[in-house]
Amino acid sequence: MLSACQADSVNLLPDNTLAAEVSPTAIATTTRIWFPATSTPTFRPQEAGTPTPDSSPDFGILLVDEDFSNPNDWLHGPYAGGNVAYGTNTLNLAVAAPRSYLTSFRKDTYFNDMYMEVTITPNLCSPSDTYGLIFWSANDTNYHRLTFNCAGLYAVEKVKNGRTTSLLDWTPSSQLPRGGFSPFRAGLWVGGGLVRIYLNGSFQSEIYLPAGTGGVGVFAESASGPAMNISYSDMQIYGVTSAQYPPTPTITPTPTKKPYPTQPTP
């Protein structure tokens, strides 16, 4: 009777066989990539830059070293429009009335090719008043000139029989004083018909002209103001030969597109 009341001994033991048959589920893990693939850059050849042509003035020996101390070198004196007078190592052009014009030429000084530098000081002027350098002068009414005004512009002009023709139109420059009172260094390079302009050592413009020859000088012209005064000082003139000419630029013609043939009209 006691054995009939006991539970089945087999059911009291843990089911080891079942536990052995059930295996744990594997947990998937990610693989770490230590060196990820990267895109390979495509190297492009660098284009070679076009060098800036050298436009610095090239010249020869010093021919004239003018300190404006010899009154026999330049034409001067009183004129109807004002006075050309020597100062302390300066040549001063004082225009006394509006629309009056003064010139002064260096005696027995003639060039076809040259490089001329001079310090110019506009002591008194109005914006439309003009002044500058004369070159290739045949006489006092026929010459070329590099012209400045007191508004900060420059130009190249030709004077023939007293009438002025523009060759290089008015061009602004930060190197020129506006309103006067500040000196600046003007450079004029002439060689083989090429005329180059330099201001304070900086290249500005160039223009090709028929080659000429003649004297050098300076001028001042009052356009609207009651008076003006321009001083010139410390002038040097250097020789220029064909060896100092810049190379002539080569002009590459633009190819003309060939038109496609058209069918003949029946």
Protein backbone atom coordinates (compact mmCIF):
# COMPACT_ATOMS: atom_id res chain seq x y z
CA MET A 1 0.00 0.00 0.00
CA LEU A 2 2.78 2.46 0.76
CA SER A 3 4.40 1.78 -2.58
CA ALA A 4 1.19 2.53 -4.36
CA CYS A 5 1.07 6.05 -2.88
CA GLN A 6 4.63 6.97 -4.00
CA ALA A 7 5.18 8.94 -7.15
CA ASP A 8 6.91 7.36 -10.07
CA SER A 9 10.68 7.60 -9.40
CA VAL A 10 11.42 8.08 -13.06
CA ASN A 11 9.38 11.33 -13.20
CA LEU A 12 11.23 12.78 -10.19
CA LEU A 13 14.59 12.86 -12.02
CA PRO A 14 15.46 15.66 -14.46
CA ASP A 15 15.11 14.75 -18.10
CA ASN A 16 18.83 14.80 -18.99
CA THR A 17 18.24 13.16 -22.30
CA LEU A 18 15.96 15.98 -23.46
CA ALA A 19 18.40 18.66 -22.33
CA ALA A 20 21.21 16.99 -24.21
CA GLU A 21 19.22 16.90 -27.39
CA VAL A 22 18.44 20.68 -27.37
CA SER A 23 21.51 22.67 -28.57
CA PRO A 24 21.87 26.42 -28.04
CA THR A 25 21.15 28.69 -31.04
CA ALA A 26 24.30 30.29 -32.52
CA ILE A 27 24.36 34.13 -32.37
CA ALA A 28 25.58 35.72 -35.58
CA THR A 29 28.38 38.30 -35.16
CA THR A 30 29.48 41.03 -37.61
CA THR A 31 33.01 40.96 -39.04
CA ARG A 32 34.91 44.19 -38.40
CA ILE A 33 36.60 45.61 -41.51
CA TRP A 34 39.80 47.22 -40.41
CA PHE A 35 40.83 48.65 -43.78
CA PRO A 36 37.74 49.68 -45.76
CA ALA A 37 38.15 50.14 -49.48
CA THR A 38 38.44 53.74 -50.64
CA SER A 39 38.02 55.26 -54.09
CA THR A 40 41.27 55.88 -55.91
CA PRO A 41 41.56 59.54 -57.00
CA THR A 42 42.13 60.27 -60.66
CA PHE A 43 45.13 62.50 -61.14
CA ARG A 44 44.79 65.08 -63.90
CA PRO A 45 47.79 66.72 -65.52
CA GLN A 46 48.15 70.37 -64.52
CA GLU A 47 48.03 72.91 -67.31
CA ALA A 48 51.14 74.99 -67.62
CA GLY A 49 50.41 78.68 -67.01
CA THR A 50 51.26 81.21 -69.67
CA PRO A 51 54.13 83.41 -68.42
CA THR A 52 53.53 87.13 -68.30
CA PRO A 53 55.72 88.80 -70.94
CA ASP A 54 58.47 90.99 -69.55
CA SER A 55 57.48 94.59 -70.19
CA SER A 56 60.22 96.28 -68.17
CA PRO A 57 62.14 98.90 -70.16
CA ASP A 58 65.34 97.73 -71.82
CA PHE A 59 67.79 100.45 -72.80
CA GLY A 60 71.44 101.22 -73.30
CA ILE A 61 73.88 103.85 -72.07
CA LEU A 62 72.98 107.15 -70.43
CA LEU A 63 73.09 109.96 -73.00
CA VAL A 64 71.60 112.91 -71.13
CA ASP A 65 71.65 113.47 -67.38
CA GLU A 66 69.61 116.64 -66.93
CA ASP A 67 69.48 118.31 -63.53
CA PHE A 68 68.07 121.59 -64.89
CA SER A 69 70.94 123.65 -63.61
CA ASN A 70 72.20 125.05 -66.93
CA PRO A 71 69.88 127.75 -68.31
CA ASN A 72 71.43 127.35 -71.75
CA ASP A 73 69.99 123.84 -72.24
CA TRP A 74 66.28 124.72 -72.48
CA LEU A 75 64.23 127.47 -74.10
CA HIS A 76 62.79 129.70 -71.39
CA GLY A 77 61.52 133.20 -70.73
CA PRO A 78 58.26 135.17 -70.60
CA TYR A 79 55.55 134.41 -73.16
CA ALA A 80 52.05 135.69 -73.87
CA GLY A 81 50.48 132.77 -72.02
CA GLY A 82 52.81 132.70 -69.03
CA ASN A 83 56.42 132.09 -68.09
CA VAL A 84 59.01 129.29 -68.45
CA ALA A 85 61.65 129.73 -65.76
CA TYR A 86 64.40 127.81 -64.01
CA GLY A 87 64.09 127.02 -60.31
CA THR A 88 66.38 125.06 -58.03
CA ASN A 89 67.15 122.07 -60.31
CA THR A 90 63.71 122.43 -61.87
CA LEU A 91 62.13 123.83 -65.01
CA ASN A 92 58.83 125.52 -64.15
CA LEU A 93 56.00 126.20 -66.59
CA ALA A 94 53.60 128.76 -65.13
CA VAL A 95 50.50 129.34 -67.25
CA ALA A 96 48.92 132.70 -66.42
CA ALA A 97 45.53 132.53 -68.17
CA PRO A 98 42.89 129.96 -69.17
CA ARG A 99 43.33 128.29 -72.56
CA SER A 100 46.98 129.28 -72.67
CA TYR A 101 49.74 126.92 -73.80
CA LEU A 102 53.43 126.82 -72.92
CA THR A 103 56.19 124.63 -74.35
CA SER A 104 59.92 124.35 -73.79
CA PHE A 105 62.35 122.32 -75.91
CA ARG A 106 65.82 121.06 -75.05
CA LYS A 107 68.32 122.58 -77.44
CA ASP A 108 70.13 120.36 -79.95
CA THR A 109 68.66 117.15 -78.57
CA TYR A 110 67.20 114.81 -81.19
CA PHE A 111 66.28 111.14 -81.04
CA ASN A 112 64.35 108.52 -82.92
CA ASP A 113 64.74 105.76 -80.28
CA MET A 114 65.26 106.54 -76.60
CA TYR A 115 64.12 105.96 -73.03
CA MET A 116 63.36 109.18 -71.16
CA GLU A 117 62.51 109.47 -67.47
CA VAL A 118 61.61 112.64 -65.58
CA THR A 119 59.99 113.65 -62.32
CA ILE A 120 56.87 115.78 -62.80
CA THR A 121 55.16 117.79 -60.07
CA PRO A 122 51.78 119.42 -60.85
CA ASN A 123 51.97 122.24 -58.31
CA LEU A 124 48.73 123.95 -59.33
CA CYS A 125 46.12 122.74 -61.82
CA SER A 126 42.47 122.03 -62.48
CA PRO A 127 41.16 118.55 -63.47
CA SER A 128 41.02 119.34 -67.20
CA ASP A 129 44.42 121.05 -67.38
CA THR A 130 47.07 119.07 -69.28
CA TYR A 131 50.85 118.73 -69.23
CA GLY A 132 53.52 116.21 -70.24
CA LEU A 133 56.43 115.22 -72.47
CA ILE A 134 57.14 116.06 -76.12
CA PHE A 135 59.04 113.71 -78.47
CA TRP A 136 59.80 113.52 -82.19
CA SER A 137 59.50 117.29 -82.44
CA ALA A 138 60.08 118.87 -85.86
CA ASN A 139 59.25 122.39 -84.56
CA ASP A 140 56.99 124.05 -82.02
CA THR A 141 53.80 123.11 -83.91
CA ASN A 142 54.61 119.56 -85.12
CA TYR A 143 55.44 116.80 -82.64
CA HIS A 144 54.13 113.86 -80.62
CA ARG A 145 53.40 114.09 -76.92
CA LEU A 146 52.64 112.01 -73.85
CA THR A 147 49.85 113.93 -72.14
CA PHE A 148 48.61 113.86 -68.54
CA ASN A 149 45.76 115.72 -66.88
CA CYS A 150 45.01 116.58 -63.27
CA ALA A 151 42.13 114.08 -63.13
CA GLY A 152 44.56 111.12 -63.15
CA LEU A 153 44.45 110.23 -66.87
CA TYR A 154 47.10 109.91 -69.60
CA ALA A 155 47.02 109.80 -73.42
CA VAL A 156 49.30 109.83 -76.48
CA GLU A 157 48.65 112.56 -79.03
CA LYS A 158 50.03 113.96 -82.27
CA VAL A 159 50.21 117.68 -82.91
CA LYS A 160 50.37 118.66 -86.58
CA ASN A 161 50.39 122.32 -87.54
CA GLY A 162 49.06 123.12 -84.09
CA ARG A 163 46.08 120.72 -84.31
CA THR A 164 45.90 117.78 -81.90
CA THR A 165 44.93 114.21 -82.87
CA SER A 166 44.44 111.45 -80.30
CA LEU A 167 46.53 108.30 -80.85
CA LEU A 168 45.92 106.58 -77.51
CA ASP A 169 42.67 107.58 -75.81
CA TRP A 170 42.51 108.88 -72.24
CA THR A 171 43.36 106.07 -69.80
CA PRO A 172 43.13 106.19 -65.99
CA SER A 173 46.06 105.20 -63.80
CA SER A 174 46.39 104.86 -60.04
CA GLN A 175 49.98 106.10 -60.39
CA LEU A 176 48.89 109.62 -61.34
CA PRO A 177 48.00 112.26 -58.72
CA ARG A 178 44.49 113.68 -58.85
CA GLY A 179 44.37 117.39 -58.23
CA GLY A 180 48.12 117.86 -58.32
CA PHE A 181 50.66 118.58 -55.57
CA SER A 182 52.23 115.08 -55.68
CA PRO A 183 55.35 114.33 -57.78
CA PHE A 184 55.52 111.19 -59.91
CA ARG A 185 58.04 109.56 -62.21
CA ALA A 186 57.11 109.44 -65.90
CA GLY A 187 58.91 107.10 -68.30
CA LEU A 188 58.66 107.13 -72.11
CA TRP A 189 60.24 104.27 -74.07
CA VAL A 190 60.43 104.66 -77.85
CA GLY A 191 61.95 102.03 -80.13
CA GLY A 192 61.25 101.07 -83.74
CA GLY A 193 57.88 102.79 -83.66
CA LEU A 194 56.77 101.12 -80.42
CA VAL A 195 55.89 103.62 -77.68
CA ARG A 196 55.66 102.36 -74.11
CA ILE A 197 54.49 104.33 -71.07
CA TYR A 198 55.78 103.82 -67.52
CA LEU A 199 54.61 105.57 -64.37
CA ASN A 200 56.64 105.24 -61.17
CA GLY A 201 58.43 102.30 -62.78
CA SER A 202 55.20 100.46 -63.57
CA PHE A 203 54.30 99.60 -67.17
CA GLN A 204 50.99 101.16 -68.27
CA SER A 205 50.34 100.93 -72.03
CA GLU A 206 51.99 100.62 -75.41
CA ILE A 207 51.12 101.69 -78.94
CA TYR A 208 52.74 101.19 -82.35
CA LEU A 209 53.29 104.34 -84.43
CA PRO A 210 55.11 105.05 -87.67
CA ALA A 211 58.74 105.50 -86.63
CA GLY A 212 59.87 109.11 -86.37
CA THR A 213 62.67 111.31 -85.16
CA GLY A 214 63.02 114.77 -83.61
CA GLY A 215 63.54 116.82 -80.51
CA VAL A 216 62.29 116.47 -76.94
CA GLY A 217 60.46 118.96 -74.72
CA VAL A 218 57.80 119.59 -72.10
CA PHE A 219 54.51 121.46 -72.10
CA ALA A 220 51.62 122.75 -69.96
CA GLU A 221 48.16 123.88 -71.07
CA SER A 222 45.42 125.47 -68.98
CA ALA A 223 41.94 124.40 -70.05
CA SER A 224 39.64 126.07 -67.54
CA GLY A 225 41.50 127.23 -64.45
CA PRO A 226 42.80 130.76 -64.00
CA ALA A 227 46.40 129.52 -63.68
CA MET A 228 48.54 126.40 -63.47
CA ASN A 229 52.12 125.54 -62.57
CA ILE A 230 54.05 122.38 -63.52
CA SER A 231 57.64 121.55 -62.50
CA TYR A 232 60.03 119.15 -64.26
CA SER A 233 63.15 117.78 -62.58
CA ASP A 234 65.72 114.95 -62.57
CA MET A 235 65.58 113.90 -66.25
CA GLN A 236 67.60 111.09 -67.81
CA ILE A 237 67.64 110.00 -71.46
CA TYR A 238 69.11 106.61 -72.42
CA GLY A 239 69.92 105.23 -75.82
CA VAL A 240 67.79 102.43 -77.30
CA THR A 241 68.99 100.19 -80.14
CA SER A 242 67.31 97.43 -82.11
CA ALA A 243 68.85 94.93 -79.68
CA GLN A 244 66.56 96.34 -76.99
CA TYR A 245 63.39 96.06 -79.06
CA PRO A 246 60.89 93.58 -77.60
CA PRO A 247 60.08 90.57 -79.79
CA THR A 248 57.31 91.20 -82.28
CA PRO A 249 54.19 89.30 -81.15
CA THR A 250 53.18 86.44 -83.43
CA ILE A 251 49.55 86.60 -84.46
CA THR A 252 47.97 83.17 -84.94
CA PRO A 253 45.21 83.33 -87.56
CA THR A 254 41.85 81.87 -86.59
CA PRO A 255 41.04 78.86 -88.78
CA THR A 256 38.00 79.29 -90.99
CA LYS A 257 35.39 76.55 -90.63
CA LYS A 258 34.75 74.65 -93.87
CA PRO A 259 31.03 74.61 -94.66
CA TYR A 260 29.33 71.27 -95.17
CA PRO A 261 28.44 70.55 -98.82
CA THR A 262 24.76 70.82 -99.63
CA GLN A 263 22.79 68.48 -101.83
CA PRO A 264 22.10 69.89 -105.30
CA THR A 265 18.52 70.90 -105.86
CA PRO A 266 16.92 68.54 -108.43
